[in-house]
Amino acid sequence: MASTRKLPKTLSSEEVEALMAAPNLAAPTGLRNRCILALMHRSGLRVSEVCGLHLRDLRWREGQIHLRPEVAKGRREGFAYFDPHTEELLRRWKDARRCYAAGKPHLFTTLKGGPVSRFYCWQMMRRYARRAGVDEHRVHPHVLRHTYATELLREGFNVREVQQLLRHADIRTTVLYTHVIDVELQAKIRARTG
């Protein structure tokens, strides 16, 4: 039952902005890491999906990311989408990665050409949270996915659309995000004066 489950934790827009500003885009690792953060925050990808992406999974013309069954949760093939800003970052990383990972399949690689790990992503996010002045204990890969879902609802996407974008098998999982909005509305009503 959805009401007994814990509500997803999210970041404020100010916290997201500070976190996204933390990577140094002039450094190849900073550009790579900023792309990773963007895909979790602006496309709703899970950290395992980001780490498993291959360069060929990006469908540039469609603004789409193919999530192969071996990468996607539940081994269900799916698609995610990227916005123009994320596309620009990804194109920059695609050009930069040639120096480190030419001929390698993974989209996100180390400077030695090996795939970036989930553990690395967790550590990287904690490091950037500290740099951004955000409580590092609240910052982890999945919180960006939660934030993405909540932002979509605030922007007027309906629950079915958010379900599809998050690739949730059960709509009850998606409905949890509406409760985050409900809690915010309740707090606003209580704060009213006069």
N, C-alpha and C. Protein backbone atom coordinates (compact mmCIF):
# COMPACT_ATOMS: atom_id res chain seq x y z
N MET A 1 0.84 -1.19 0.00
CA MET A 1 0.00 0.00 0.00
C MET A 1 0.88 1.25 0.00
N ALA A 2 0.61 2.18 -0.88
CA ALA A 2 1.46 3.35 -1.09
C ALA A 2 1.59 4.23 0.15
N SER A 3 0.56 4.35 0.96
CA SER A 3 0.60 5.27 2.09
C SER A 3 1.55 4.82 3.19
N THR A 4 1.93 3.55 3.23
CA THR A 4 2.84 3.08 4.26
C THR A 4 4.29 3.18 3.84
N ARG A 5 4.53 3.47 2.57
CA ARG A 5 5.91 3.59 2.09
C ARG A 5 6.47 4.97 2.40
N LYS A 6 7.78 5.03 2.59
CA LYS A 6 8.44 6.30 2.86
C LYS A 6 8.36 7.20 1.62
N LEU A 7 8.17 8.49 1.88
CA LEU A 7 8.13 9.44 0.77
C LEU A 7 9.54 9.63 0.21
N PRO A 8 9.67 9.76 -1.09
CA PRO A 8 10.98 9.99 -1.69
C PRO A 8 11.56 11.32 -1.25
N LYS A 9 12.85 11.34 -0.98
CA LYS A 9 13.55 12.58 -0.63
C LYS A 9 13.97 13.26 -1.93
N THR A 10 13.92 14.59 -1.93
CA THR A 10 14.29 15.35 -3.12
C THR A 10 15.21 16.50 -2.71
N LEU A 11 15.81 17.12 -3.71
CA LEU A 11 16.62 18.31 -3.50
C LEU A 11 15.84 19.53 -3.98
N SER A 12 16.12 20.66 -3.36
CA SER A 12 15.50 21.91 -3.81
C SER A 12 16.18 22.34 -5.11
N SER A 13 15.54 23.26 -5.82
CA SER A 13 16.14 23.74 -7.07
C SER A 13 17.48 24.43 -6.81
N GLU A 14 17.60 25.10 -5.66
CA GLU A 14 18.87 25.75 -5.30
C GLU A 14 19.96 24.71 -5.05
N GLU A 15 19.60 23.61 -4.39
CA GLU A 15 20.57 22.55 -4.13
C GLU A 15 21.01 21.88 -5.43
N VAL A 16 20.06 21.64 -6.32
CA VAL A 16 20.39 21.04 -7.61
C VAL A 16 21.32 21.96 -8.39
N GLU A 17 21.00 23.23 -8.41
CA GLU A 17 21.83 24.21 -9.13
C GLU A 17 23.25 24.23 -8.58
N ALA A 18 23.39 24.23 -7.26
CA ALA A 18 24.71 24.23 -6.64
C ALA A 18 25.47 22.95 -6.96
N LEU A 19 24.78 21.83 -6.93
CA LEU A 19 25.40 20.54 -7.23
C LEU A 19 25.87 20.49 -8.68
N MET A 20 25.04 20.98 -9.60
CA MET A 20 25.40 20.96 -11.02
C MET A 20 26.54 21.91 -11.34
N ALA A 21 26.71 22.94 -10.52
CA ALA A 21 27.80 23.90 -10.75
C ALA A 21 29.13 23.41 -10.18
N ALA A 22 29.11 22.34 -9.39
CA ALA A 22 30.34 21.87 -8.72
C ALA A 22 31.39 21.29 -9.68
N PRO A 23 31.03 20.50 -10.70
CA PRO A 23 32.07 19.95 -11.58
C PRO A 23 32.75 21.05 -12.41
N ASN A 24 34.05 20.89 -12.61
CA ASN A 24 34.84 21.80 -13.44
C ASN A 24 34.73 21.33 -14.89
N LEU A 25 33.96 22.04 -15.69
CA LEU A 25 33.71 21.61 -17.07
C LEU A 25 34.93 21.75 -17.97
N ALA A 26 35.96 22.44 -17.51
CA ALA A 26 37.18 22.56 -18.29
C ALA A 26 38.03 21.28 -18.20
N ALA A 27 37.77 20.46 -17.19
CA ALA A 27 38.50 19.20 -17.02
C ALA A 27 37.67 18.08 -17.62
N PRO A 28 38.29 17.10 -18.29
CA PRO A 28 37.50 16.02 -18.90
C PRO A 28 36.67 15.24 -17.87
N THR A 29 37.23 15.01 -16.69
CA THR A 29 36.46 14.28 -15.68
C THR A 29 35.29 15.12 -15.17
N GLY A 30 35.48 16.43 -15.08
CA GLY A 30 34.39 17.30 -14.66
C GLY A 30 33.26 17.31 -15.67
N LEU A 31 33.62 17.36 -16.96
CA LEU A 31 32.61 17.32 -18.02
C LEU A 31 31.87 15.99 -18.00
N ARG A 32 32.62 14.90 -17.88
CA ARG A 32 32.00 13.57 -17.80
C ARG A 32 31.03 13.49 -16.61
N ASN A 33 31.50 13.95 -15.45
CA ASN A 33 30.67 13.87 -14.24
C ASN A 33 29.43 14.75 -14.34
N ARG A 34 29.57 15.89 -14.99
CA ARG A 34 28.41 16.77 -15.16
C ARG A 34 27.37 16.09 -16.06
N CYS A 35 27.84 15.37 -17.08
CA CYS A 35 26.92 14.60 -17.94
C CYS A 35 26.20 13.52 -17.14
N ILE A 36 26.93 12.84 -16.29
CA ILE A 36 26.33 11.79 -15.45
C ILE A 36 25.24 12.40 -14.57
N LEU A 37 25.56 13.52 -13.92
CA LEU A 37 24.56 14.18 -13.06
C LEU A 37 23.35 14.61 -13.89
N ALA A 38 23.59 15.14 -15.07
CA ALA A 38 22.48 15.61 -15.92
C ALA A 38 21.57 14.45 -16.32
N LEU A 39 22.14 13.30 -16.65
CA LEU A 39 21.30 12.17 -17.05
C LEU A 39 20.46 11.63 -15.89
N MET A 40 20.98 11.71 -14.68
CA MET A 40 20.19 11.27 -13.53
C MET A 40 19.12 12.30 -13.18
N HIS A 41 19.47 13.59 -13.30
CA HIS A 41 18.53 14.63 -12.92
C HIS A 41 17.56 15.03 -14.03
N ARG A 42 18.01 15.09 -15.28
CA ARG A 42 17.16 15.59 -16.36
C ARG A 42 16.56 14.48 -17.22
N SER A 43 17.04 13.23 -17.04
CA SER A 43 16.48 12.10 -17.79
C SER A 43 15.95 11.01 -16.88
N GLY A 44 16.21 11.13 -15.57
CA GLY A 44 15.69 10.17 -14.62
C GLY A 44 16.37 8.81 -14.64
N LEU A 45 17.60 8.74 -15.13
CA LEU A 45 18.29 7.45 -15.18
C LEU A 45 18.77 7.03 -13.80
N ARG A 46 18.74 5.74 -13.59
CA ARG A 46 19.32 5.14 -12.38
C ARG A 46 20.83 5.09 -12.57
N VAL A 47 21.57 5.05 -11.47
CA VAL A 47 23.03 5.04 -11.57
C VAL A 47 23.52 3.81 -12.34
N SER A 48 22.89 2.67 -12.15
CA SER A 48 23.31 1.46 -12.88
C SER A 48 23.07 1.62 -14.37
N GLU A 49 21.99 2.33 -14.74
CA GLU A 49 21.71 2.56 -16.15
C GLU A 49 22.76 3.50 -16.75
N VAL A 50 23.10 4.55 -16.02
CA VAL A 50 24.12 5.49 -16.50
C VAL A 50 25.45 4.76 -16.71
N CYS A 51 25.85 3.96 -15.74
CA CYS A 51 27.14 3.25 -15.83
C CYS A 51 27.14 2.19 -16.94
N GLY A 52 25.99 1.67 -17.29
CA GLY A 52 25.90 0.63 -18.31
C GLY A 52 25.70 1.14 -19.73
N LEU A 53 25.49 2.44 -19.87
CA LEU A 53 25.24 3.00 -21.20
C LEU A 53 26.44 2.82 -22.13
N HIS A 54 26.13 2.51 -23.36
CA HIS A 54 27.14 2.49 -24.42
C HIS A 54 26.92 3.71 -25.30
N LEU A 55 27.94 4.13 -25.97
CA LEU A 55 27.85 5.28 -26.86
C LEU A 55 26.74 5.07 -27.89
N ARG A 56 26.59 3.85 -28.37
CA ARG A 56 25.58 3.55 -29.40
C ARG A 56 24.15 3.62 -28.86
N ASP A 57 23.98 3.72 -27.55
CA ASP A 57 22.64 3.81 -26.95
C ASP A 57 22.02 5.20 -27.10
N LEU A 58 22.84 6.19 -27.45
CA LEU A 58 22.33 7.54 -27.65
C LEU A 58 21.77 7.67 -29.06
N ARG A 59 20.53 8.06 -29.14
CA ARG A 59 19.88 8.29 -30.43
C ARG A 59 19.71 9.80 -30.57
N TRP A 60 20.71 10.40 -31.19
CA TRP A 60 20.82 11.85 -31.21
C TRP A 60 19.62 12.52 -31.88
N ARG A 61 19.21 12.03 -33.03
CA ARG A 61 18.13 12.67 -33.78
C ARG A 61 16.83 12.70 -32.98
N GLU A 62 16.57 11.62 -32.26
CA GLU A 62 15.32 11.51 -31.50
C GLU A 62 15.42 12.11 -30.09
N GLY A 63 16.64 12.46 -29.66
CA GLY A 63 16.81 12.92 -28.27
C GLY A 63 16.50 11.82 -27.28
N GLN A 64 16.91 10.61 -27.64
CA GLN A 64 16.49 9.41 -26.92
C GLN A 64 17.69 8.59 -26.46
N ILE A 65 17.50 7.89 -25.36
CA ILE A 65 18.50 6.96 -24.84
C ILE A 65 17.88 5.57 -24.83
N HIS A 66 18.51 4.65 -25.52
CA HIS A 66 18.02 3.27 -25.55
C HIS A 66 18.58 2.55 -24.32
N LEU A 67 17.68 2.03 -23.50
CA LEU A 67 18.08 1.27 -22.33
C LEU A 67 17.91 -0.21 -22.66
N ARG A 68 19.03 -0.82 -22.98
CA ARG A 68 19.02 -2.24 -23.34
C ARG A 68 18.59 -3.08 -22.14
N PRO A 69 18.00 -4.26 -22.37
CA PRO A 69 17.54 -5.10 -21.26
C PRO A 69 18.64 -5.41 -20.23
N GLU A 70 19.87 -5.57 -20.69
CA GLU A 70 20.95 -5.89 -19.74
C GLU A 70 21.34 -4.69 -18.87
N VAL A 71 20.85 -3.50 -19.21
CA VAL A 71 21.14 -2.29 -18.45
C VAL A 71 19.94 -1.86 -17.61
N ALA A 72 18.75 -1.99 -18.16
CA ALA A 72 17.53 -1.49 -17.52
C ALA A 72 17.11 -2.35 -16.34
N LYS A 73 16.49 -1.70 -15.36
CA LYS A 73 15.97 -2.42 -14.19
C LYS A 73 14.88 -3.39 -14.64
N GLY A 74 14.89 -4.57 -14.05
CA GLY A 74 13.91 -5.58 -14.41
C GLY A 74 14.15 -6.21 -15.76
N ARG A 75 15.30 -5.89 -16.34
CA ARG A 75 15.69 -6.43 -17.65
C ARG A 75 14.64 -6.13 -18.73
N ARG A 76 13.95 -4.98 -18.54
CA ARG A 76 12.95 -4.56 -19.52
C ARG A 76 13.54 -3.44 -20.36
N GLU A 77 13.56 -3.67 -21.65
CA GLU A 77 14.05 -2.64 -22.57
C GLU A 77 13.21 -1.38 -22.42
N GLY A 78 13.86 -0.23 -22.52
CA GLY A 78 13.12 1.01 -22.40
C GLY A 78 13.84 2.16 -23.06
N PHE A 79 13.24 3.33 -22.93
CA PHE A 79 13.82 4.54 -23.51
C PHE A 79 13.70 5.67 -22.51
N ALA A 80 14.69 6.51 -22.50
CA ALA A 80 14.66 7.76 -21.74
C ALA A 80 14.96 8.87 -22.74
N TYR A 81 14.78 10.09 -22.32
CA TYR A 81 14.92 11.22 -23.23
C TYR A 81 15.85 12.26 -22.63
N PHE A 82 16.52 13.00 -23.50
CA PHE A 82 17.36 14.09 -23.00
C PHE A 82 16.94 15.40 -23.66
N ASP A 83 17.11 16.47 -22.88
CA ASP A 83 16.75 17.81 -23.34
C ASP A 83 17.93 18.44 -24.07
N PRO A 84 17.73 19.58 -24.73
CA PRO A 84 18.81 20.20 -25.51
C PRO A 84 20.06 20.54 -24.69
N HIS A 85 19.89 20.99 -23.45
CA HIS A 85 21.06 21.32 -22.62
C HIS A 85 21.88 20.06 -22.33
N THR A 86 21.21 18.98 -21.99
CA THR A 86 21.90 17.72 -21.72
C THR A 86 22.55 17.21 -23.00
N GLU A 87 21.87 17.37 -24.13
CA GLU A 87 22.46 16.96 -25.40
C GLU A 87 23.77 17.69 -25.67
N GLU A 88 23.78 18.98 -25.41
CA GLU A 88 25.00 19.77 -25.63
C GLU A 88 26.16 19.22 -24.77
N LEU A 89 25.87 18.93 -23.51
CA LEU A 89 26.90 18.36 -22.62
C LEU A 89 27.37 17.00 -23.13
N LEU A 90 26.42 16.17 -23.56
CA LEU A 90 26.77 14.84 -24.05
C LEU A 90 27.63 14.91 -25.31
N ARG A 91 27.33 15.84 -26.19
CA ARG A 91 28.14 15.99 -27.41
C ARG A 91 29.56 16.43 -27.07
N ARG A 92 29.67 17.33 -26.09
CA ARG A 92 31.01 17.76 -25.66
C ARG A 92 31.78 16.58 -25.07
N TRP A 93 31.10 15.76 -24.24
CA TRP A 93 31.76 14.59 -23.66
C TRP A 93 32.12 13.58 -24.74
N LYS A 94 31.24 13.39 -25.71
CA LYS A 94 31.51 12.44 -26.79
C LYS A 94 32.81 12.81 -27.50
N ASP A 95 33.01 14.10 -27.74
CA ASP A 95 34.25 14.56 -28.39
C ASP A 95 35.45 14.35 -27.47
N ALA A 96 35.30 14.68 -26.18
CA ALA A 96 36.41 14.57 -25.23
C ALA A 96 36.81 13.12 -24.98
N ARG A 97 35.83 12.21 -24.95
CA ARG A 97 36.11 10.82 -24.60
C ARG A 97 36.95 10.11 -25.66
N ARG A 98 36.99 10.65 -26.87
CA ARG A 98 37.80 10.04 -27.93
C ARG A 98 39.26 9.90 -27.53
N CYS A 99 39.75 10.85 -26.75
CA CYS A 99 41.15 10.80 -26.31
C CYS A 99 41.41 9.68 -25.31
N TYR A 100 40.38 9.21 -24.63
CA TYR A 100 40.55 8.24 -23.55
C TYR A 100 39.91 6.90 -23.83
N ALA A 101 38.91 6.88 -24.70
CA ALA A 101 38.13 5.66 -24.83
C ALA A 101 37.78 5.32 -26.27
N ALA A 102 38.60 5.73 -27.22
CA ALA A 102 38.32 5.40 -28.61
C ALA A 102 38.22 3.89 -28.76
N GLY A 103 37.17 3.45 -29.40
CA GLY A 103 36.97 2.01 -29.60
C GLY A 103 36.35 1.28 -28.42
N LYS A 104 36.13 1.98 -27.31
CA LYS A 104 35.51 1.37 -26.12
C LYS A 104 34.00 1.60 -26.19
N PRO A 105 33.21 0.63 -25.73
CA PRO A 105 31.76 0.78 -25.88
C PRO A 105 31.09 1.72 -24.87
N HIS A 106 31.59 1.74 -23.64
CA HIS A 106 30.88 2.50 -22.60
C HIS A 106 30.91 4.00 -22.86
N LEU A 107 29.78 4.63 -22.60
CA LEU A 107 29.69 6.08 -22.77
C LEU A 107 30.56 6.79 -21.74
N PHE A 108 30.47 6.36 -20.50
CA PHE A 108 31.22 7.02 -19.44
C PHE A 108 32.38 6.13 -19.00
N THR A 109 33.58 6.65 -19.25
CA THR A 109 34.79 5.88 -18.95
C THR A 109 35.72 6.69 -18.08
N THR A 110 36.65 5.98 -17.47
CA THR A 110 37.74 6.63 -16.77
C THR A 110 38.71 7.16 -17.81
N LEU A 111 39.71 7.88 -17.38
CA LEU A 111 40.71 8.40 -18.32
C LEU A 111 41.58 7.28 -18.87
N LYS A 112 41.48 6.09 -18.29
CA LYS A 112 42.20 4.93 -18.81
C LYS A 112 41.33 4.08 -19.73
N GLY A 113 40.08 4.49 -19.91
CA GLY A 113 39.19 3.81 -20.86
C GLY A 113 38.27 2.77 -20.25
N GLY A 114 38.39 2.50 -18.95
CA GLY A 114 37.50 1.55 -18.31
C GLY A 114 36.16 2.19 -17.96
N PRO A 115 35.12 1.39 -17.77
CA PRO A 115 33.81 1.97 -17.43
C PRO A 115 33.81 2.60 -16.04
N VAL A 116 33.08 3.67 -15.89
CA VAL A 116 32.89 4.30 -14.58
C VAL A 116 31.97 3.40 -13.76
N SER A 117 32.28 3.25 -12.48
CA SER A 117 31.51 2.35 -11.62
C SER A 117 30.43 3.09 -10.84
N ARG A 118 29.47 2.33 -10.34
CA ARG A 118 28.42 2.89 -9.48
C ARG A 118 29.04 3.48 -8.22
N PHE A 119 30.01 2.78 -7.65
CA PHE A 119 30.67 3.26 -6.43
C PHE A 119 31.30 4.63 -6.69
N TYR A 120 31.95 4.77 -7.84
CA TYR A 120 32.55 6.05 -8.18
C TYR A 120 31.49 7.15 -8.21
N CYS A 121 30.33 6.86 -8.81
CA CYS A 121 29.26 7.87 -8.90
C CYS A 121 28.79 8.31 -7.52
N TRP A 122 28.64 7.37 -6.62
CA TRP A 122 28.24 7.70 -5.25
C TRP A 122 29.28 8.63 -4.61
N GLN A 123 30.54 8.26 -4.72
CA GLN A 123 31.61 9.06 -4.12
C GLN A 123 31.70 10.44 -4.78
N MET A 124 31.58 10.47 -6.07
CA MET A 124 31.64 11.73 -6.80
C MET A 124 30.53 12.67 -6.35
N MET A 125 29.34 12.14 -6.17
CA MET A 125 28.22 12.98 -5.75
C MET A 125 28.42 13.52 -4.34
N ARG A 126 28.95 12.69 -3.46
CA ARG A 126 29.22 13.16 -2.09
C ARG A 126 30.26 14.30 -2.12
N ARG A 127 31.29 14.11 -2.93
CA ARG A 127 32.35 15.12 -3.04
C ARG A 127 31.77 16.43 -3.57
N TYR A 128 30.95 16.36 -4.60
CA TYR A 128 30.35 17.57 -5.16
C TYR A 128 29.35 18.20 -4.19
N ALA A 129 28.66 17.39 -3.42
CA ALA A 129 27.73 17.94 -2.43
C ALA A 129 28.49 18.78 -1.40
N ARG A 130 29.62 18.24 -0.92
CA ARG A 130 30.43 19.01 0.03
C ARG A 130 30.89 20.32 -0.61
N ARG A 131 31.36 20.25 -1.84
CA ARG A 131 31.84 21.44 -2.55
C ARG A 131 30.70 22.45 -2.73
N ALA A 132 29.49 21.95 -2.96
CA ALA A 132 28.33 22.82 -3.21
C ALA A 132 27.67 23.33 -1.93
N GLY A 133 28.11 22.82 -0.78
CA GLY A 133 27.50 23.24 0.48
C GLY A 133 26.15 22.59 0.74
N VAL A 134 25.93 21.42 0.14
CA VAL A 134 24.69 20.66 0.33
C VAL A 134 25.02 19.49 1.25
N ASP A 135 24.10 19.16 2.15
CA ASP A 135 24.31 18.05 3.08
C ASP A 135 24.60 16.76 2.31
N GLU A 136 25.83 16.28 2.41
CA GLU A 136 26.25 15.12 1.63
C GLU A 136 25.48 13.85 1.97
N HIS A 137 24.90 13.78 3.15
CA HIS A 137 24.13 12.59 3.53
C HIS A 137 22.77 12.53 2.83
N ARG A 138 22.36 13.66 2.26
CA ARG A 138 21.10 13.70 1.51
C ARG A 138 21.32 13.49 0.02
N VAL A 139 22.58 13.51 -0.41
CA VAL A 139 22.88 13.47 -1.84
C VAL A 139 23.41 12.09 -2.24
N HIS A 140 22.66 11.45 -3.12
CA HIS A 140 23.05 10.15 -3.68
C HIS A 140 22.38 10.06 -5.05
N PRO A 141 22.83 9.12 -5.88
CA PRO A 141 22.29 9.09 -7.25
C PRO A 141 20.76 9.05 -7.34
N HIS A 142 20.12 8.28 -6.49
CA HIS A 142 18.67 8.12 -6.65
C HIS A 142 17.89 9.38 -6.26
N VAL A 143 18.50 10.25 -5.43
CA VAL A 143 17.80 11.48 -5.06
C VAL A 143 17.61 12.38 -6.28
N LEU A 144 18.50 12.28 -7.27
CA LEU A 144 18.31 13.06 -8.49
C LEU A 144 17.13 12.52 -9.30
N ARG A 145 16.94 11.22 -9.29
CA ARG A 145 15.78 10.62 -9.96
C ARG A 145 14.49 11.05 -9.27
N HIS A 146 14.50 11.03 -7.93
CA HIS A 146 13.33 11.49 -7.17
C HIS A 146 13.03 12.96 -7.49
N THR A 147 14.08 13.76 -7.55
CA THR A 147 13.92 15.19 -7.83
C THR A 147 13.34 15.39 -9.23
N TYR A 148 13.84 14.62 -10.18
CA TYR A 148 13.33 14.67 -11.57
C TYR A 148 11.82 14.40 -11.58
N ALA A 149 11.39 13.35 -10.92
CA ALA A 149 9.96 12.99 -10.92
C ALA A 149 9.11 14.09 -10.30
N THR A 150 9.57 14.62 -9.19
CA THR A 150 8.82 15.67 -8.51
C THR A 150 8.76 16.94 -9.36
N GLU A 151 9.87 17.28 -10.00
CA GLU A 151 9.88 18.45 -10.88
C GLU A 151 8.91 18.28 -12.04
N LEU A 152 8.86 17.07 -12.61
CA LEU A 152 7.94 16.83 -13.73
C LEU A 152 6.49 17.08 -13.29
N LEU A 153 6.12 16.59 -12.13
CA LEU A 153 4.76 16.80 -11.63
C LEU A 153 4.48 18.29 -11.41
N ARG A 154 5.45 19.00 -10.85
CA ARG A 154 5.28 20.44 -10.63
C ARG A 154 5.12 21.18 -11.96
N GLU A 155 5.78 20.68 -13.00
CA GLU A 155 5.73 21.33 -14.32
C GLU A 155 4.47 20.96 -15.10
N GLY A 156 3.61 20.11 -14.53
CA GLY A 156 2.34 19.81 -15.17
C GLY A 156 2.26 18.48 -15.89
N PHE A 157 3.32 17.67 -15.84
CA PHE A 157 3.22 16.32 -16.41
C PHE A 157 2.25 15.53 -15.56
N ASN A 158 1.41 14.68 -16.18
CA ASN A 158 0.48 13.90 -15.38
C ASN A 158 1.17 12.61 -14.88
N VAL A 159 0.50 11.93 -13.98
CA VAL A 159 1.10 10.76 -13.32
C VAL A 159 1.46 9.67 -14.33
N ARG A 160 0.61 9.46 -15.33
CA ARG A 160 0.90 8.43 -16.34
C ARG A 160 2.15 8.79 -17.15
N GLU A 161 2.29 10.07 -17.49
CA GLU A 161 3.48 10.50 -18.22
C GLU A 161 4.74 10.30 -17.38
N VAL A 162 4.66 10.65 -16.11
CA VAL A 162 5.81 10.47 -15.22
C VAL A 162 6.11 8.99 -15.05
N GLN A 163 5.08 8.17 -14.94
CA GLN A 163 5.29 6.71 -14.87
C GLN A 163 6.07 6.23 -16.08
N GLN A 164 5.67 6.68 -17.26
CA GLN A 164 6.35 6.25 -18.48
C GLN A 164 7.79 6.76 -18.51
N LEU A 165 8.01 8.00 -18.12
CA LEU A 165 9.36 8.57 -18.15
C LEU A 165 10.29 7.90 -17.13
N LEU A 166 9.72 7.47 -16.01
CA LEU A 166 10.53 6.78 -14.99
C LEU A 166 10.62 5.28 -15.24
N ARG A 167 9.78 4.80 -16.18
CA ARG A 167 9.75 3.39 -16.52
C ARG A 167 9.35 2.53 -15.31
N HIS A 168 8.36 3.01 -14.57
CA HIS A 168 7.82 2.25 -13.44
C HIS A 168 6.82 1.22 -13.96
N ALA A 169 6.96 -0.02 -13.50
CA ALA A 169 6.01 -1.06 -13.89
C ALA A 169 4.65 -0.83 -13.22
N ASP A 170 4.67 -0.31 -12.00
CA ASP A 170 3.46 -0.15 -11.20
C ASP A 170 3.22 1.34 -10.93
N ILE A 171 2.05 1.82 -11.28
CA ILE A 171 1.74 3.25 -11.10
C ILE A 171 1.76 3.66 -9.64
N ARG A 172 1.56 2.70 -8.72
CA ARG A 172 1.59 3.05 -7.29
C ARG A 172 2.95 3.58 -6.87
N THR A 173 4.00 3.14 -7.53
CA THR A 173 5.33 3.67 -7.25
C THR A 173 5.40 5.12 -7.66
N THR A 174 4.83 5.46 -8.79
CA THR A 174 4.85 6.83 -9.30
C THR A 174 3.99 7.74 -8.43
N VAL A 175 2.86 7.22 -7.97
CA VAL A 175 1.93 8.03 -7.17
C VAL A 175 2.59 8.55 -5.89
N LEU A 176 3.62 7.86 -5.41
CA LEU A 176 4.34 8.35 -4.22
C LEU A 176 4.82 9.79 -4.41
N TYR A 177 5.20 10.12 -5.63
CA TYR A 177 5.72 11.47 -5.87
C TYR A 177 4.64 12.53 -5.74
N THR A 178 3.39 12.16 -5.96
CA THR A 178 2.31 13.13 -5.77
C THR A 178 2.16 13.46 -4.29
N HIS A 179 2.50 12.52 -3.42
CA HIS A 179 2.42 12.78 -1.98
C HIS A 179 3.47 13.79 -1.54
N VAL A 180 4.62 13.83 -2.22
CA VAL A 180 5.62 14.85 -1.92
C VAL A 180 5.03 16.23 -2.21
N ILE A 181 4.33 16.35 -3.33
CA ILE A 181 3.67 17.61 -3.68
C ILE A 181 2.59 17.93 -2.65
N ASP A 182 1.82 16.92 -2.22
CA ASP A 182 0.77 17.12 -1.21
C ASP A 182 1.34 17.66 0.09
N VAL A 183 2.46 17.15 0.53
CA VAL A 183 3.10 17.61 1.77
C VAL A 183 3.49 19.08 1.62
N GLU A 184 4.01 19.46 0.47
CA GLU A 184 4.39 20.86 0.23
C GLU A 184 3.16 21.76 0.25
N LEU A 185 2.07 21.29 -0.36
CA LEU A 185 0.84 22.09 -0.37
C LEU A 185 0.30 22.28 1.04
N GLN A 186 0.33 21.22 1.83
CA GLN A 186 -0.14 21.30 3.21
C GLN A 186 0.67 22.34 3.99
N ALA A 187 2.00 22.32 3.81
CA ALA A 187 2.85 23.28 4.51
C ALA A 187 2.53 24.70 4.07
N LYS A 188 2.24 24.92 2.80
CA LYS A 188 1.90 26.25 2.31
C LYS A 188 0.59 26.74 2.91
N ILE A 189 -0.39 25.85 3.00
CA ILE A 189 -1.69 26.24 3.59
C ILE A 189 -1.49 26.61 5.06
N ARG A 190 -0.71 25.83 5.77
CA ARG A 190 -0.48 26.10 7.20
C ARG A 190 0.27 27.40 7.41
N ALA A 191 1.07 27.81 6.43
CA ALA A 191 1.87 29.04 6.56
C ALA A 191 1.05 30.30 6.25
N ARG A 192 -0.16 30.12 5.72
CA ARG A 192 -0.98 31.29 5.38
C ARG A 192 -1.36 32.06 6.63
N THR A 193 -1.39 33.36 6.49
CA THR A 193 -1.80 34.20 7.62
C THR A 193 -3.02 35.02 7.22
N GLY A 194 -3.72 35.49 8.24
CA GLY A 194 -4.86 36.38 8.02
C GLY A 194 -5.98 35.67 7.50
